[in-house]
Amino acid sequence: MSETWLLRFGAVCGVVLALSIGVPGAVEAFTGETAATSFVIGLGTALGAPALTGLYLHQRRRRGAAGGGRFEPFAYAVNLLGLCLFAGAAFALNLVLFFLDEEVAEEVMAGPTLAAVLGAVVLFVLGSVLFGAAMVRARVFPRAAALGYAVLFPLLALLAPLPDSLLVSVVHVLAGAALFRLSAVVWTDAGRPASPGGRPARSAAGAVR
């Protein structure tokens, strides 16, 4: 399995995940949460880990293995763990609890389940901020998209318990757009040679700020 294949796989997963976040968010601005939009969002969470890994691999190739120091792999590790935990929680909330009676769902969420979900949210928010900051520092990806990742994905998690609103839908759409842009850069540059040493190389796609 080549690195190029991994990058392109991560890019495709990122694009599909972006659509599974943004499109339901736009629909819910008019319909509210539905079984269909909840189903799409719940399934899309499975693509988060490969999408994040594609972003990380692309950034390391452009900066060189030592370009990000210790912070970059640490940020990736925290984000990956938080993303996996939050994806599991989102899958359960959207594809299990959504279809249960409200009283049953509240009973399920009581006790240790709630503590586990809150812990997943905290780790996901922390990891997204850290890895978003690493992308902004690296200046490999478009700055607006990297900032969007650092800000909008934590907002997605923090706004999840709130009732559907225009604000929630807008955050979904913007977060999807940011991830789509980042993943498009990974796809475009997947076939290019890695940068020599630790010197960052701006690609045609990543140079647009």
N, C-alpha and C. Protein backbone atom coordinates (compact mmCIF):
# COMPACT_ATOMS: atom_id res chain seq x y z
N MET A 1 0.86 -1.20 0.00
CA MET A 1 0.00 0.00 0.00
C MET A 1 0.89 1.24 0.00
N SER A 2 0.78 2.06 -1.04
CA SER A 2 1.66 3.21 -1.17
C SER A 2 1.14 4.40 -0.36
N GLU A 3 2.03 5.34 -0.10
CA GLU A 3 1.63 6.56 0.61
C GLU A 3 0.65 7.37 -0.21
N THR A 4 0.84 7.36 -1.54
CA THR A 4 -0.08 8.09 -2.40
C THR A 4 -1.49 7.55 -2.27
N TRP A 5 -1.60 6.21 -2.20
CA TRP A 5 -2.94 5.61 -2.04
C TRP A 5 -3.56 6.04 -0.71
N LEU A 6 -2.77 6.03 0.37
CA LEU A 6 -3.28 6.44 1.67
C LEU A 6 -3.75 7.90 1.65
N LEU A 7 -2.97 8.75 1.00
CA LEU A 7 -3.35 10.16 0.91
C LEU A 7 -4.66 10.33 0.15
N ARG A 8 -4.77 9.64 -0.96
CA ARG A 8 -5.99 9.77 -1.76
C ARG A 8 -7.20 9.15 -1.06
N PHE A 9 -6.96 8.04 -0.38
CA PHE A 9 -8.04 7.44 0.41
C PHE A 9 -8.50 8.40 1.50
N GLY A 10 -7.54 9.02 2.20
CA GLY A 10 -7.89 9.99 3.22
C GLY A 10 -8.62 11.19 2.63
N ALA A 11 -8.19 11.64 1.45
CA ALA A 11 -8.84 12.78 0.80
C ALA A 11 -10.28 12.46 0.42
N VAL A 12 -10.50 11.26 -0.13
CA VAL A 12 -11.86 10.86 -0.51
C VAL A 12 -12.75 10.76 0.73
N CYS A 13 -12.21 10.15 1.79
CA CYS A 13 -12.97 10.07 3.04
C CYS A 13 -13.30 11.46 3.57
N GLY A 14 -12.34 12.38 3.47
CA GLY A 14 -12.57 13.74 3.94
C GLY A 14 -13.65 14.46 3.15
N VAL A 15 -13.65 14.27 1.84
CA VAL A 15 -14.66 14.91 0.99
C VAL A 15 -16.05 14.35 1.31
N VAL A 16 -16.14 13.02 1.42
CA VAL A 16 -17.44 12.41 1.73
C VAL A 16 -17.91 12.83 3.12
N LEU A 17 -16.99 12.85 4.08
CA LEU A 17 -17.35 13.30 5.43
C LEU A 17 -17.81 14.75 5.41
N ALA A 18 -17.11 15.59 4.66
CA ALA A 18 -17.51 17.00 4.57
C ALA A 18 -18.93 17.14 4.03
N LEU A 19 -19.24 16.35 3.01
CA LEU A 19 -20.60 16.40 2.45
C LEU A 19 -21.63 15.86 3.44
N SER A 20 -21.24 14.83 4.21
CA SER A 20 -22.17 14.26 5.18
C SER A 20 -22.41 15.18 6.37
N ILE A 21 -21.55 16.17 6.54
CA ILE A 21 -21.75 17.18 7.58
C ILE A 21 -22.49 18.39 7.01
N GLY A 22 -22.02 18.89 5.86
CA GLY A 22 -22.56 20.13 5.32
C GLY A 22 -23.94 20.01 4.71
N VAL A 23 -24.17 18.95 3.93
CA VAL A 23 -25.46 18.82 3.24
C VAL A 23 -26.61 18.62 4.24
N PRO A 24 -26.51 17.67 5.19
CA PRO A 24 -27.58 17.57 6.19
C PRO A 24 -27.76 18.86 6.99
N GLY A 25 -26.64 19.55 7.28
CA GLY A 25 -26.76 20.82 8.00
C GLY A 25 -27.58 21.83 7.23
N ALA A 26 -27.37 21.91 5.91
CA ALA A 26 -28.14 22.83 5.09
C ALA A 26 -29.61 22.42 5.03
N VAL A 27 -29.86 21.12 4.91
CA VAL A 27 -31.25 20.63 4.86
C VAL A 27 -31.98 20.91 6.17
N GLU A 28 -31.27 20.69 7.28
CA GLU A 28 -31.92 20.85 8.59
C GLU A 28 -32.25 22.30 8.91
N ALA A 29 -31.64 23.24 8.18
CA ALA A 29 -32.01 24.64 8.37
C ALA A 29 -33.47 24.87 8.00
N PHE A 30 -34.01 24.02 7.13
CA PHE A 30 -35.40 24.16 6.69
C PHE A 30 -36.33 23.10 7.28
N THR A 31 -35.79 21.92 7.59
CA THR A 31 -36.64 20.82 8.03
C THR A 31 -36.47 20.45 9.49
N GLY A 32 -35.39 20.91 10.12
CA GLY A 32 -35.04 20.39 11.42
C GLY A 32 -34.42 19.01 11.26
N GLU A 33 -33.99 18.40 12.37
CA GLU A 33 -33.36 17.08 12.29
C GLU A 33 -34.39 16.03 11.89
N THR A 34 -34.05 15.22 10.92
CA THR A 34 -34.92 14.15 10.44
C THR A 34 -34.19 12.82 10.53
N ALA A 35 -34.92 11.74 10.33
CA ALA A 35 -34.29 10.42 10.36
C ALA A 35 -33.23 10.31 9.27
N ALA A 36 -33.50 10.90 8.10
CA ALA A 36 -32.56 10.81 6.98
C ALA A 36 -31.27 11.57 7.26
N THR A 37 -31.39 12.82 7.75
CA THR A 37 -30.19 13.61 8.02
C THR A 37 -29.40 13.01 9.18
N SER A 38 -30.09 12.51 10.19
CA SER A 38 -29.41 11.88 11.32
C SER A 38 -28.66 10.63 10.86
N PHE A 39 -29.26 9.87 9.94
CA PHE A 39 -28.64 8.66 9.42
C PHE A 39 -27.35 8.99 8.68
N VAL A 40 -27.40 10.02 7.83
CA VAL A 40 -26.22 10.41 7.04
C VAL A 40 -25.10 10.89 7.94
N ILE A 41 -25.42 11.74 8.89
CA ILE A 41 -24.39 12.27 9.80
C ILE A 41 -23.79 11.14 10.63
N GLY A 42 -24.63 10.22 11.11
CA GLY A 42 -24.14 9.12 11.93
C GLY A 42 -23.18 8.21 11.18
N LEU A 43 -23.52 7.87 9.94
CA LEU A 43 -22.64 7.02 9.14
C LEU A 43 -21.35 7.74 8.74
N GLY A 44 -21.46 9.02 8.46
CA GLY A 44 -20.29 9.78 8.01
C GLY A 44 -19.18 9.84 9.02
N THR A 45 -19.51 9.71 10.30
CA THR A 45 -18.48 9.80 11.34
C THR A 45 -17.40 8.72 11.20
N ALA A 46 -17.75 7.61 10.55
CA ALA A 46 -16.78 6.53 10.38
C ALA A 46 -15.59 6.95 9.53
N LEU A 47 -15.74 8.01 8.74
CA LEU A 47 -14.69 8.45 7.82
C LEU A 47 -13.73 9.44 8.45
N GLY A 48 -13.95 9.81 9.70
CA GLY A 48 -13.13 10.84 10.33
C GLY A 48 -11.68 10.47 10.50
N ALA A 49 -11.41 9.24 10.98
CA ALA A 49 -10.03 8.83 11.24
C ALA A 49 -9.17 8.80 9.97
N PRO A 50 -9.62 8.17 8.87
CA PRO A 50 -8.79 8.22 7.65
C PRO A 50 -8.66 9.61 7.08
N ALA A 51 -9.70 10.44 7.21
CA ALA A 51 -9.61 11.82 6.71
C ALA A 51 -8.55 12.60 7.47
N LEU A 52 -8.55 12.49 8.79
CA LEU A 52 -7.56 13.17 9.62
C LEU A 52 -6.16 12.67 9.32
N THR A 53 -6.02 11.37 9.15
CA THR A 53 -4.70 10.79 8.85
C THR A 53 -4.18 11.30 7.52
N GLY A 54 -5.06 11.46 6.54
CA GLY A 54 -4.65 12.04 5.26
C GLY A 54 -4.13 13.46 5.41
N LEU A 55 -4.80 14.27 6.23
CA LEU A 55 -4.32 15.63 6.48
C LEU A 55 -2.94 15.62 7.12
N TYR A 56 -2.77 14.75 8.11
CA TYR A 56 -1.50 14.69 8.84
C TYR A 56 -0.37 14.22 7.92
N LEU A 57 -0.61 13.16 7.14
CA LEU A 57 0.43 12.66 6.24
C LEU A 57 0.82 13.71 5.20
N HIS A 58 -0.16 14.40 4.67
CA HIS A 58 0.13 15.44 3.68
C HIS A 58 1.00 16.54 4.28
N GLN A 59 0.65 16.94 5.49
CA GLN A 59 1.42 18.02 6.14
C GLN A 59 2.85 17.59 6.41
N ARG A 60 3.06 16.35 6.85
CA ARG A 60 4.41 15.86 7.10
C ARG A 60 5.22 15.77 5.81
N ARG A 61 4.58 15.37 4.72
CA ARG A 61 5.29 15.28 3.44
C ARG A 61 5.74 16.66 2.97
N ARG A 62 4.93 17.65 3.19
CA ARG A 62 5.26 19.00 2.73
C ARG A 62 6.29 19.69 3.62
N ARG A 63 6.30 19.36 4.90
CA ARG A 63 7.22 20.01 5.84
C ARG A 63 8.48 19.20 6.06
N GLY A 64 8.45 17.91 5.76
CA GLY A 64 9.53 17.03 6.14
C GLY A 64 9.20 16.38 7.47
N ALA A 65 9.76 15.22 7.74
CA ALA A 65 9.39 14.44 8.92
C ALA A 65 9.62 15.19 10.22
N ALA A 66 10.66 16.04 10.26
CA ALA A 66 10.98 16.75 11.51
C ALA A 66 10.47 18.18 11.52
N GLY A 67 9.72 18.56 10.48
CA GLY A 67 9.34 19.96 10.34
C GLY A 67 8.41 20.47 11.43
N GLY A 68 7.55 19.58 11.96
CA GLY A 68 6.59 20.03 12.95
C GLY A 68 7.02 19.84 14.39
N GLY A 69 8.23 19.32 14.61
CA GLY A 69 8.69 19.07 15.97
C GLY A 69 7.82 18.03 16.66
N ARG A 70 7.73 18.12 17.97
CA ARG A 70 6.94 17.17 18.74
C ARG A 70 5.47 17.57 18.82
N PHE A 71 5.19 18.85 18.62
CA PHE A 71 3.81 19.32 18.79
C PHE A 71 2.87 18.72 17.75
N GLU A 72 3.32 18.65 16.51
CA GLU A 72 2.45 18.20 15.42
C GLU A 72 1.99 16.75 15.62
N PRO A 73 2.88 15.77 15.86
CA PRO A 73 2.41 14.41 16.10
C PRO A 73 1.58 14.29 17.37
N PHE A 74 1.91 15.09 18.40
CA PHE A 74 1.11 15.07 19.63
C PHE A 74 -0.30 15.56 19.34
N ALA A 75 -0.41 16.65 18.59
CA ALA A 75 -1.73 17.19 18.25
C ALA A 75 -2.54 16.19 17.44
N TYR A 76 -1.87 15.53 16.50
CA TYR A 76 -2.54 14.51 15.69
C TYR A 76 -3.04 13.37 16.57
N ALA A 77 -2.21 12.91 17.49
CA ALA A 77 -2.58 11.79 18.35
C ALA A 77 -3.79 12.14 19.23
N VAL A 78 -3.78 13.33 19.81
CA VAL A 78 -4.90 13.75 20.65
C VAL A 78 -6.16 13.88 19.80
N ASN A 79 -6.03 14.47 18.63
CA ASN A 79 -7.18 14.64 17.75
C ASN A 79 -7.74 13.30 17.29
N LEU A 80 -6.83 12.36 16.97
CA LEU A 80 -7.28 11.05 16.51
C LEU A 80 -8.06 10.31 17.60
N LEU A 81 -7.52 10.31 18.82
CA LEU A 81 -8.22 9.64 19.92
C LEU A 81 -9.57 10.30 20.19
N GLY A 82 -9.57 11.62 20.25
CA GLY A 82 -10.82 12.33 20.49
C GLY A 82 -11.82 12.11 19.37
N LEU A 83 -11.33 12.10 18.14
CA LEU A 83 -12.21 11.90 16.99
C LEU A 83 -12.84 10.51 17.01
N CYS A 84 -12.05 9.49 17.32
CA CYS A 84 -12.58 8.12 17.37
C CYS A 84 -13.65 7.99 18.46
N LEU A 85 -13.38 8.56 19.63
CA LEU A 85 -14.37 8.50 20.71
C LEU A 85 -15.62 9.29 20.36
N PHE A 86 -15.44 10.48 19.81
CA PHE A 86 -16.59 11.32 19.48
C PHE A 86 -17.39 10.71 18.33
N ALA A 87 -16.70 10.06 17.39
CA ALA A 87 -17.39 9.40 16.28
C ALA A 87 -18.29 8.29 16.80
N GLY A 88 -17.79 7.53 17.78
CA GLY A 88 -18.62 6.49 18.38
C GLY A 88 -19.84 7.07 19.07
N ALA A 89 -19.63 8.17 19.80
CA ALA A 89 -20.76 8.82 20.48
C ALA A 89 -21.76 9.37 19.47
N ALA A 90 -21.26 10.01 18.41
CA ALA A 90 -22.15 10.57 17.39
C ALA A 90 -22.92 9.48 16.66
N PHE A 91 -22.25 8.36 16.40
CA PHE A 91 -22.92 7.23 15.76
C PHE A 91 -24.08 6.75 16.62
N ALA A 92 -23.83 6.58 17.91
CA ALA A 92 -24.87 6.11 18.81
C ALA A 92 -26.01 7.12 18.94
N LEU A 93 -25.66 8.39 19.06
CA LEU A 93 -26.69 9.42 19.23
C LEU A 93 -27.57 9.54 17.99
N ASN A 94 -26.95 9.46 16.80
CA ASN A 94 -27.70 9.70 15.57
C ASN A 94 -28.40 8.45 15.03
N LEU A 95 -27.85 7.28 15.31
CA LEU A 95 -28.41 6.06 14.72
C LEU A 95 -29.06 5.12 15.74
N VAL A 96 -28.94 5.44 17.03
CA VAL A 96 -29.57 4.62 18.06
C VAL A 96 -30.54 5.45 18.89
N LEU A 97 -30.01 6.42 19.63
CA LEU A 97 -30.85 7.19 20.54
C LEU A 97 -31.90 8.01 19.80
N PHE A 98 -31.58 8.47 18.59
CA PHE A 98 -32.54 9.29 17.84
C PHE A 98 -33.84 8.54 17.60
N PHE A 99 -33.78 7.22 17.49
CA PHE A 99 -34.96 6.43 17.15
C PHE A 99 -35.65 5.82 18.37
N LEU A 100 -35.16 6.16 19.56
CA LEU A 100 -35.78 5.68 20.79
C LEU A 100 -36.75 6.72 21.34
N ASP A 101 -37.67 6.27 22.18
CA ASP A 101 -38.54 7.21 22.89
C ASP A 101 -37.70 8.11 23.77
N GLU A 102 -38.15 9.33 23.97
CA GLU A 102 -37.37 10.31 24.72
C GLU A 102 -37.05 9.83 26.13
N GLU A 103 -38.03 9.18 26.77
CA GLU A 103 -37.80 8.70 28.14
C GLU A 103 -36.72 7.62 28.17
N VAL A 104 -36.74 6.73 27.19
CA VAL A 104 -35.73 5.67 27.12
C VAL A 104 -34.36 6.26 26.85
N ALA A 105 -34.29 7.22 25.92
CA ALA A 105 -33.01 7.85 25.59
C ALA A 105 -32.41 8.55 26.80
N GLU A 106 -33.26 9.24 27.58
CA GLU A 106 -32.77 9.92 28.77
C GLU A 106 -32.26 8.92 29.80
N GLU A 107 -32.92 7.78 29.91
CA GLU A 107 -32.47 6.75 30.85
C GLU A 107 -31.13 6.17 30.42
N VAL A 108 -30.96 5.96 29.11
CA VAL A 108 -29.69 5.43 28.60
C VAL A 108 -28.55 6.40 28.86
N MET A 109 -28.83 7.69 28.71
CA MET A 109 -27.78 8.70 28.85
C MET A 109 -27.45 9.03 30.31
N ALA A 110 -28.18 8.46 31.23
CA ALA A 110 -27.91 8.73 32.65
C ALA A 110 -26.68 7.95 33.11
N GLY A 111 -26.08 8.43 34.18
CA GLY A 111 -24.97 7.70 34.80
C GLY A 111 -23.69 7.74 34.00
N PRO A 112 -22.97 6.61 33.94
CA PRO A 112 -21.64 6.58 33.32
C PRO A 112 -21.66 6.86 31.82
N THR A 113 -22.77 6.60 31.14
CA THR A 113 -22.84 6.88 29.71
C THR A 113 -22.65 8.37 29.43
N LEU A 114 -23.32 9.19 30.21
CA LEU A 114 -23.19 10.64 30.04
C LEU A 114 -21.76 11.10 30.29
N ALA A 115 -21.13 10.55 31.33
CA ALA A 115 -19.75 10.91 31.64
C ALA A 115 -18.82 10.53 30.50
N ALA A 116 -19.05 9.36 29.90
CA ALA A 116 -18.21 8.92 28.79
C ALA A 116 -18.38 9.82 27.58
N VAL A 117 -19.61 10.20 27.29
CA VAL A 117 -19.87 11.08 26.14
C VAL A 117 -19.23 12.45 26.36
N LEU A 118 -19.37 12.98 27.56
CA LEU A 118 -18.77 14.28 27.86
C LEU A 118 -17.25 14.22 27.76
N GLY A 119 -16.66 13.12 28.23
CA GLY A 119 -15.22 12.96 28.10
C GLY A 119 -14.78 12.91 26.64
N ALA A 120 -15.57 12.23 25.80
CA ALA A 120 -15.26 12.18 24.37
C ALA A 120 -15.34 13.56 23.75
N VAL A 121 -16.34 14.33 24.15
CA VAL A 121 -16.49 15.69 23.61
C VAL A 121 -15.30 16.56 23.99
N VAL A 122 -14.89 16.49 25.25
CA VAL A 122 -13.76 17.31 25.72
C VAL A 122 -12.49 16.95 24.96
N LEU A 123 -12.22 15.66 24.80
CA LEU A 123 -11.00 15.25 24.10
C LEU A 123 -11.07 15.63 22.62
N PHE A 124 -12.25 15.52 22.02
CA PHE A 124 -12.40 15.90 20.61
C PHE A 124 -12.18 17.40 20.42
N VAL A 125 -12.75 18.19 21.30
CA VAL A 125 -12.58 19.65 21.20
C VAL A 125 -11.11 20.02 21.36
N LEU A 126 -10.45 19.45 22.38
CA LEU A 126 -9.04 19.74 22.60
C LEU A 126 -8.20 19.32 21.40
N GLY A 127 -8.43 18.11 20.90
CA GLY A 127 -7.65 17.62 19.77
C GLY A 127 -7.86 18.44 18.51
N SER A 128 -9.09 18.87 18.26
CA SER A 128 -9.37 19.67 17.07
C SER A 128 -8.68 21.02 17.14
N VAL A 129 -8.68 21.63 18.32
CA VAL A 129 -8.00 22.92 18.49
C VAL A 129 -6.49 22.74 18.29
N LEU A 130 -5.93 21.71 18.88
CA LEU A 130 -4.48 21.49 18.78
C LEU A 130 -4.06 21.20 17.34
N PHE A 131 -4.77 20.28 16.68
CA PHE A 131 -4.36 19.94 15.31
C PHE A 131 -4.66 21.09 14.35
N GLY A 132 -5.74 21.81 14.59
CA GLY A 132 -6.00 23.00 13.78
C GLY A 132 -4.90 24.03 13.93
N ALA A 133 -4.43 24.21 15.16
CA ALA A 133 -3.31 25.13 15.39
C ALA A 133 -2.06 24.64 14.69
N ALA A 134 -1.83 23.32 14.70
CA ALA A 134 -0.66 22.77 14.01
C ALA A 134 -0.73 23.04 12.51
N MET A 135 -1.92 22.94 11.92
CA MET A 135 -2.07 23.23 10.49
C MET A 135 -1.85 24.71 10.20
N VAL A 136 -2.34 25.56 11.06
CA VAL A 136 -2.13 27.01 10.86
C VAL A 136 -0.64 27.33 10.95
N ARG A 137 0.05 26.77 11.93
CA ARG A 137 1.49 27.00 12.09
C ARG A 137 2.29 26.50 10.89
N ALA A 138 1.88 25.35 10.36
CA ALA A 138 2.65 24.74 9.27
C ALA A 138 2.53 25.51 7.96
N ARG A 139 1.44 26.22 7.76
CA ARG A 139 1.21 27.01 6.56
C ARG A 139 1.30 26.14 5.29
N VAL A 140 0.85 24.91 5.41
CA VAL A 140 0.78 24.01 4.26
C VAL A 140 -0.59 24.09 3.62
N PHE A 141 -1.63 24.14 4.44
CA PHE A 141 -3.00 24.22 3.96
C PHE A 141 -3.44 25.68 3.89
N PRO A 142 -4.50 25.96 3.12
CA PRO A 142 -5.06 27.31 3.11
C PRO A 142 -5.41 27.76 4.53
N ARG A 143 -4.99 28.97 4.88
CA ARG A 143 -5.12 29.44 6.25
C ARG A 143 -6.58 29.48 6.72
N ALA A 144 -7.47 29.93 5.86
CA ALA A 144 -8.88 30.03 6.25
C ALA A 144 -9.46 28.65 6.58
N ALA A 145 -9.10 27.66 5.77
CA ALA A 145 -9.61 26.31 6.02
C ALA A 145 -9.03 25.72 7.29
N ALA A 146 -7.73 25.96 7.54
CA ALA A 146 -7.10 25.45 8.76
C ALA A 146 -7.71 26.11 10.01
N LEU A 147 -7.94 27.42 9.93
CA LEU A 147 -8.59 28.11 11.04
C LEU A 147 -10.02 27.61 11.23
N GLY A 148 -10.70 27.34 10.11
CA GLY A 148 -12.05 26.81 10.19
C GLY A 148 -12.08 25.47 10.91
N TYR A 149 -11.09 24.64 10.64
CA TYR A 149 -11.00 23.34 11.32
C TYR A 149 -10.83 23.55 12.82
N ALA A 150 -9.95 24.46 13.21
CA ALA A 150 -9.65 24.68 14.62
C ALA A 150 -10.82 25.26 15.39
N VAL A 151 -11.69 25.99 14.71
CA VAL A 151 -12.79 26.69 15.39
C VAL A 151 -14.12 25.97 15.20
N LEU A 152 -14.42 25.55 13.98
CA LEU A 152 -15.75 25.07 13.66
C LEU A 152 -16.01 23.65 14.15
N PHE A 153 -14.99 22.78 14.12
CA PHE A 153 -15.23 21.42 14.60
C PHE A 153 -15.44 21.36 16.10
N PRO A 154 -14.70 22.12 16.91
CA PRO A 154 -15.07 22.20 18.32
C PRO A 154 -16.48 22.73 18.53
N LEU A 155 -16.88 23.71 17.72
CA LEU A 155 -18.24 24.24 17.84
C LEU A 155 -19.29 23.19 17.52
N LEU A 156 -19.01 22.33 16.54
CA LEU A 156 -19.94 21.25 16.23
C LEU A 156 -20.23 20.41 17.46
N ALA A 157 -19.17 20.06 18.18
CA ALA A 157 -19.34 19.22 19.37
C ALA A 157 -20.06 19.98 20.49
N LEU A 158 -19.71 21.24 20.67
CA LEU A 158 -20.30 22.01 21.77
C LEU A 158 -21.76 22.36 21.51
N LEU A 159 -22.14 22.50 20.24
CA LEU A 159 -23.52 22.84 19.90
C LEU A 159 -24.41 21.62 19.75
N ALA A 160 -23.82 20.42 19.74
CA ALA A 160 -24.59 19.20 19.49
C ALA A 160 -25.77 19.01 20.46
N PRO A 161 -25.64 19.33 21.77
CA PRO A 161 -26.78 19.10 22.67
C PRO A 161 -27.90 20.11 22.50
N LEU A 162 -27.67 21.21 21.78
CA LEU A 162 -28.67 22.26 21.67
C LEU A 162 -29.73 21.90 20.64
N PRO A 163 -30.93 22.50 20.77
CA PRO A 163 -31.97 22.26 19.76
C PRO A 163 -31.53 22.77 18.39
N ASP A 164 -32.14 22.23 17.34
CA ASP A 164 -31.82 22.65 15.99
C ASP A 164 -32.11 24.14 15.82
N SER A 165 -31.20 24.83 15.14
CA SER A 165 -31.36 26.26 14.90
C SER A 165 -30.56 26.63 13.66
N LEU A 166 -30.75 27.85 13.21
CA LEU A 166 -30.01 28.34 12.05
C LEU A 166 -28.52 28.37 12.35
N LEU A 167 -28.14 28.73 13.57
CA LEU A 167 -26.73 28.76 13.95
C LEU A 167 -26.09 27.38 13.83
N VAL A 168 -26.76 26.36 14.34
CA VAL A 168 -26.24 25.00 14.26
C VAL A 168 -26.07 24.58 12.80
N SER A 169 -27.04 24.91 11.96
CA SER A 169 -26.95 24.55 10.54
C SER A 169 -25.79 25.27 9.86
N VAL A 170 -25.62 26.55 10.17
CA VAL A 170 -24.53 27.32 9.56
C VAL A 170 -23.18 26.75 9.95
N VAL A 171 -23.02 26.37 11.22
CA VAL A 171 -21.75 25.79 11.67
C VAL A 171 -21.49 24.47 10.94
N HIS A 172 -22.51 23.66 10.75
CA HIS A 172 -22.36 22.41 10.00
C HIS A 172 -21.90 22.68 8.57
N VAL A 173 -22.53 23.63 7.92
CA VAL A 173 -22.18 23.93 6.52
C VAL A 173 -20.75 24.46 6.42
N LEU A 174 -20.38 25.38 7.31
CA LEU A 174 -19.03 25.96 7.25
C LEU A 174 -17.97 24.92 7.61
N ALA A 175 -18.24 24.06 8.60
CA ALA A 175 -17.29 23.01 8.95
C ALA A 175 -17.10 22.04 7.79
N GLY A 176 -18.20 21.69 7.13
CA GLY A 176 -18.10 20.83 5.95
C GLY A 176 -17.29 21.47 4.85
N ALA A 177 -17.49 22.78 4.64
CA ALA A 177 -16.74 23.49 3.60
C ALA A 177 -15.25 23.53 3.91
N ALA A 178 -14.90 23.76 5.18
CA ALA A 178 -13.49 23.79 5.57
C ALA A 178 -12.83 22.44 5.34
N LEU A 179 -13.50 21.37 5.75
CA LEU A 179 -12.92 20.03 5.57
C LEU A 179 -12.84 19.67 4.09
N PHE A 180 -13.82 20.07 3.31
CA PHE A 180 -13.79 19.81 1.87
C PHE A 180 -12.57 20.47 1.24
N ARG A 181 -12.29 21.72 1.63
CA ARG A 181 -11.15 22.45 1.08
C ARG A 181 -9.83 21.77 1.47
N LEU A 182 -9.71 21.39 2.73
CA LEU A 182 -8.49 20.73 3.19
C LEU A 182 -8.28 19.40 2.45
N SER A 183 -9.33 18.64 2.31
CA SER A 183 -9.23 17.34 1.66
C SER A 183 -8.93 17.48 0.17
N ALA A 184 -9.45 18.53 -0.44
CA ALA A 184 -9.16 18.78 -1.86
C ALA A 184 -7.68 19.06 -2.07
N VAL A 185 -7.06 19.76 -1.13
CA VAL A 185 -5.62 20.02 -1.21
C VAL A 185 -4.84 18.70 -1.14
N VAL A 186 -5.25 17.82 -0.21
CA VAL A 186 -4.58 16.52 -0.08
C VAL A 186 -4.68 15.74 -1.39
N TRP A 187 -5.86 15.71 -1.99
CA TRP A 187 -6.05 14.97 -3.24
C TRP A 187 -5.19 15.56 -4.36
N THR A 188 -5.19 16.88 -4.49
CA THR A 188 -4.46 17.54 -5.57
C THR A 188 -2.97 17.27 -5.48
N ASP A 189 -2.42 17.27 -4.27
CA ASP A 189 -0.97 17.14 -4.09
C ASP A 189 -0.51 15.71 -3.83
N ALA A 190 -1.43 14.74 -3.82
CA ALA A 190 -1.06 13.37 -3.44
C ALA A 190 0.02 12.78 -4.34
N GLY A 191 0.01 13.12 -5.61
CA GLY A 191 0.98 12.55 -6.53
C GLY A 191 2.28 13.32 -6.64
N ARG A 192 2.38 14.45 -5.95
CA ARG A 192 3.61 15.24 -6.02
C ARG A 192 4.69 14.65 -5.11
N PRO A 193 5.95 14.84 -5.44
CA PRO A 193 7.02 14.32 -4.57
C PRO A 193 7.05 15.05 -3.24
N ALA A 194 7.46 14.34 -2.19
CA ALA A 194 7.56 14.95 -0.86
C ALA A 194 8.67 15.99 -0.85
N SER A 195 8.55 16.95 0.06
CA SER A 195 9.56 18.00 0.18
C SER A 195 10.83 17.44 0.76
N PRO A 196 12.01 17.82 0.26
CA PRO A 196 13.27 17.35 0.84
C PRO A 196 13.53 17.99 2.19
N GLY A 197 14.09 17.20 3.12
CA GLY A 197 14.48 17.75 4.43
C GLY A 197 13.29 18.25 5.20
N GLY A 198 13.47 19.29 5.96
CA GLY A 198 12.41 19.86 6.77
C GLY A 198 11.90 21.16 6.23
N ARG A 199 12.22 21.50 5.00
CA ARG A 199 11.83 22.78 4.46
C ARG A 199 10.45 22.70 3.85
N PRO A 200 9.50 23.55 4.28
CA PRO A 200 8.16 23.47 3.74
C PRO A 200 8.14 23.85 2.26
N ALA A 201 7.25 23.15 1.55
CA ALA A 201 7.09 23.44 0.12
C ALA A 201 5.64 23.79 -0.14
N ARG A 202 5.40 24.94 -0.68
CA ARG A 202 4.03 25.35 -0.98
C ARG A 202 3.64 24.83 -2.35
N SER A 203 2.53 24.12 -2.36
CA SER A 203 2.01 23.64 -3.63
C SER A 203 1.10 24.69 -4.22
N ALA A 204 0.70 24.47 -5.45
CA ALA A 204 -0.22 25.41 -6.08
C ALA A 204 -1.53 25.46 -5.33
N ALA A 205 -1.97 24.28 -4.79
CA ALA A 205 -3.22 24.25 -4.05
C ALA A 205 -3.07 24.85 -2.67
N GLY A 206 -1.94 24.56 -2.01
CA GLY A 206 -1.78 25.02 -0.64
C GLY A 206 -1.30 26.44 -0.53
N ALA A 207 -0.90 27.05 -1.63
CA ALA A 207 -0.37 28.42 -1.54
C ALA A 207 -1.47 29.45 -1.49
N VAL A 208 -2.70 29.07 -1.81
CA VAL A 208 -3.81 30.02 -1.80
C VAL A 208 -4.22 30.25 -0.36
N ARG A 209 -4.15 31.47 0.10
CA ARG A 209 -4.48 31.79 1.48
C ARG A 209 -5.74 32.64 1.53
